[in-house]
């Protein structure tokens, strides 16, 4: 799990994560989360095969961290550009 001390770095690739605003109609009521948008991150790269093999879905996920709740988890994506329009920092 990511801790508040190192919340700005992805625990899977070590790259600085971006500040990201969840969509207004999502169940996340926080102003922002941190998301890893590194297309070479192994969590994201391996997610494509995992989702295809286990769920027959052409999708992946990116690492997401909510600093307000100190919780992390996947952010589902359907392409490499998904959710990039909501990067705020």
C-alpha atoms as a PDB file:
ATOM      1  CA  UNK A   1       0.000   0.000   0.000  1.00  0.00           C
ATOM      2  CA  UNK A   2       1.154   3.518  -0.728  1.00  0.00           C
ATOM      3  CA  UNK A   3       1.720   5.691   2.326  1.00  0.00           C
ATOM      4  CA  UNK A   4       1.170   9.419   2.701  1.00  0.00           C
ATOM      5  CA  UNK A   5       4.939   9.907   2.893  1.00  0.00           C
ATOM      6  CA  UNK A   6       5.526   8.584  -0.639  1.00  0.00           C
ATOM      7  CA  UNK A   7       2.058   9.077  -2.132  1.00  0.00           C
ATOM      8  CA  UNK A   8       3.345  10.878  -5.175  1.00  0.00           C
ATOM      9  CA  UNK A   9       5.293   7.850  -6.486  1.00  0.00           C
ATOM     10  CA  UNK A  10       3.772   4.714  -7.948  1.00  0.00           C
ATOM     11  CA  UNK A  11       4.671   1.633  -5.852  1.00  0.00           C
ATOM     12  CA  UNK A  12       4.798  -0.480  -9.036  1.00  0.00           C
ATOM     13  CA  UNK A  13       7.212   1.593 -11.149  1.00  0.00           C
ATOM     14  CA  UNK A  14       8.507   4.402  -8.909  1.00  0.00           C
ATOM     15  CA  UNK A  15       7.412   7.139 -11.328  1.00  0.00           C
ATOM     16  CA  UNK A  16       5.803  10.332 -10.051  1.00  0.00           C
ATOM     17  CA  UNK A  17       2.009  10.042 -10.163  1.00  0.00           C
ATOM     18  CA  UNK A  18      -0.278  12.768 -11.504  1.00  0.00           C
ATOM     19  CA  UNK A  19      -2.957  14.587  -9.556  1.00  0.00           C
ATOM     20  CA  UNK A  20      -6.253  13.467 -11.080  1.00  0.00           C
ATOM     21  CA  UNK A  21      -9.848  14.635 -10.599  1.00  0.00           C
ATOM     22  CA  UNK A  22     -12.502  11.878 -10.440  1.00  0.00           C
ATOM     23  CA  UNK A  23     -15.557  12.365 -12.682  1.00  0.00           C
ATOM     24  CA  UNK A  24     -18.434  14.199 -11.017  1.00  0.00           C
ATOM     25  CA  UNK A  25     -20.772  11.216 -11.392  1.00  0.00           C
ATOM     26  CA  UNK A  26     -18.342   8.749  -9.775  1.00  0.00           C
ATOM     27  CA  UNK A  27     -18.736   7.337  -6.282  1.00  0.00           C
ATOM     28  CA  UNK A  28     -15.496   9.064  -5.267  1.00  0.00           C
ATOM     29  CA  UNK A  29     -16.428  12.313  -3.581  1.00  0.00           C
ATOM     30  CA  UNK A  30     -12.870  13.582  -3.154  1.00  0.00           C
ATOM     31  CA  UNK A  31     -11.385  16.525  -5.010  1.00  0.00           C
ATOM     32  CA  UNK A  32      -8.420  14.572  -6.343  1.00  0.00           C
ATOM     33  CA  UNK A  33      -6.522  11.292  -6.319  1.00  0.00           C
ATOM     34  CA  UNK A  34      -3.017  10.453  -7.519  1.00  0.00           C
ATOM     35  CA  UNK A  35      -2.822   8.170 -10.570  1.00  0.00           C
ATOM     36  CA  UNK A  36       0.139   6.569 -12.345  1.00  0.00           C
ATOM     37  CA  UNK A  37      -0.076   7.449 -16.044  1.00  0.00           C
ATOM     38  CA  UNK A  38       3.224   5.755 -16.945  1.00  0.00           C
ATOM     39  CA  UNK A  39       2.433   3.564 -19.971  1.00  0.00           C
ATOM     40  CA  UNK A  40       5.462   1.386 -19.120  1.00  0.00           C
ATOM     41  CA  UNK A  41       4.324   0.700 -15.534  1.00  0.00           C
ATOM     42  CA  UNK A  42       4.174  -3.097 -15.033  1.00  0.00           C
ATOM     43  CA  UNK A  43       0.848  -2.800 -13.160  1.00  0.00           C
ATOM     44  CA  UNK A  44      -0.717  -1.154 -16.231  1.00  0.00           C
ATOM     45  CA  UNK A  45       1.144  -3.267 -18.832  1.00  0.00           C
ATOM     46  CA  UNK A  46       0.324  -6.614 -17.178  1.00  0.00           C
ATOM     47  CA  UNK A  47      -3.265  -5.529 -16.544  1.00  0.00           C
ATOM     48  CA  UNK A  48      -4.183  -5.907 -20.222  1.00  0.00           C
ATOM     49  CA  UNK A  49      -3.321  -9.614 -20.258  1.00  0.00           C
ATOM     50  CA  UNK A  50      -4.837 -10.196 -16.814  1.00  0.00           C
ATOM     51  CA  UNK A  51      -8.177  -8.660 -17.795  1.00  0.00           C
ATOM     52  CA  UNK A  52      -8.263 -10.512 -21.134  1.00  0.00           C
ATOM     53  CA  UNK A  53      -7.391 -13.916 -19.654  1.00  0.00           C
ATOM     54  CA  UNK A  54      -9.578 -13.689 -16.542  1.00  0.00           C
ATOM     55  CA  UNK A  55     -12.542 -11.585 -17.676  1.00  0.00           C
ATOM     56  CA  UNK A  56     -12.411 -11.599 -21.519  1.00  0.00           C
ATOM     57  CA  UNK A  57     -12.188  -7.797 -21.407  1.00  0.00           C
ATOM     58  CA  UNK A  58      -9.997  -5.501 -23.488  1.00  0.00           C
ATOM     59  CA  UNK A  59      -9.125  -3.266 -20.561  1.00  0.00           C
ATOM     60  CA  UNK A  60      -6.426  -2.635 -17.979  1.00  0.00           C
ATOM     61  CA  UNK A  61      -6.013  -0.509 -14.862  1.00  0.00           C
ATOM     62  CA  UNK A  62      -3.701   2.111 -13.436  1.00  0.00           C
ATOM     63  CA  UNK A  63      -2.572   2.520  -9.837  1.00  0.00           C
ATOM     64  CA  UNK A  64      -4.738   5.065  -7.986  1.00  0.00           C
ATOM     65  CA  UNK A  65      -4.176   6.558  -4.533  1.00  0.00           C
ATOM     66  CA  UNK A  66      -6.703   8.580  -2.514  1.00  0.00           C
ATOM     67  CA  UNK A  67      -4.643  10.733  -0.115  1.00  0.00           C
ATOM     68  CA  UNK A  68      -7.730  11.802   1.832  1.00  0.00           C
ATOM     69  CA  UNK A  69      -8.598   8.246   2.861  1.00  0.00           C
ATOM     70  CA  UNK A  70      -5.050   6.842   2.570  1.00  0.00           C
ATOM     71  CA  UNK A  71      -6.389   4.123   0.246  1.00  0.00           C
ATOM     72  CA  UNK A  72      -5.094   2.786  -3.038  1.00  0.00           C
ATOM     73  CA  UNK A  73      -6.544   0.582  -5.747  1.00  0.00           C
ATOM     74  CA  UNK A  74      -7.051   0.172  -9.489  1.00  0.00           C
ATOM     75  CA  UNK A  75      -8.449   2.763 -11.855  1.00  0.00           C
ATOM     76  CA  UNK A  76      -9.997   0.826 -14.779  1.00  0.00           C
ATOM     77  CA  UNK A  77      -8.968   2.014 -18.258  1.00  0.00           C
ATOM     78  CA  UNK A  78     -10.041   1.031 -21.776  1.00  0.00           C
ATOM     79  CA  UNK A  79      -7.145   2.744 -23.615  1.00  0.00           C
ATOM     80  CA  UNK A  80      -3.829   4.446 -22.912  1.00  0.00           C
ATOM     81  CA  UNK A  81      -5.569   7.820 -23.176  1.00  0.00           C
ATOM     82  CA  UNK A  82      -8.462   6.998 -20.846  1.00  0.00           C
ATOM     83  CA  UNK A  83      -8.816   9.475 -17.963  1.00  0.00           C
ATOM     84  CA  UNK A  84      -5.891  11.658 -19.101  1.00  0.00           C
ATOM     85  CA  UNK A  85      -8.268  14.562 -19.680  1.00  0.00           C
ATOM     86  CA  UNK A  86      -8.880  14.718 -15.926  1.00  0.00           C
ATOM     87  CA  UNK A  87      -5.226  15.266 -14.946  1.00  0.00           C
ATOM     88  CA  UNK A  88      -5.104  18.507 -12.950  1.00  0.00           C
ATOM     89  CA  UNK A  89      -1.419  18.743 -12.084  1.00  0.00           C
END
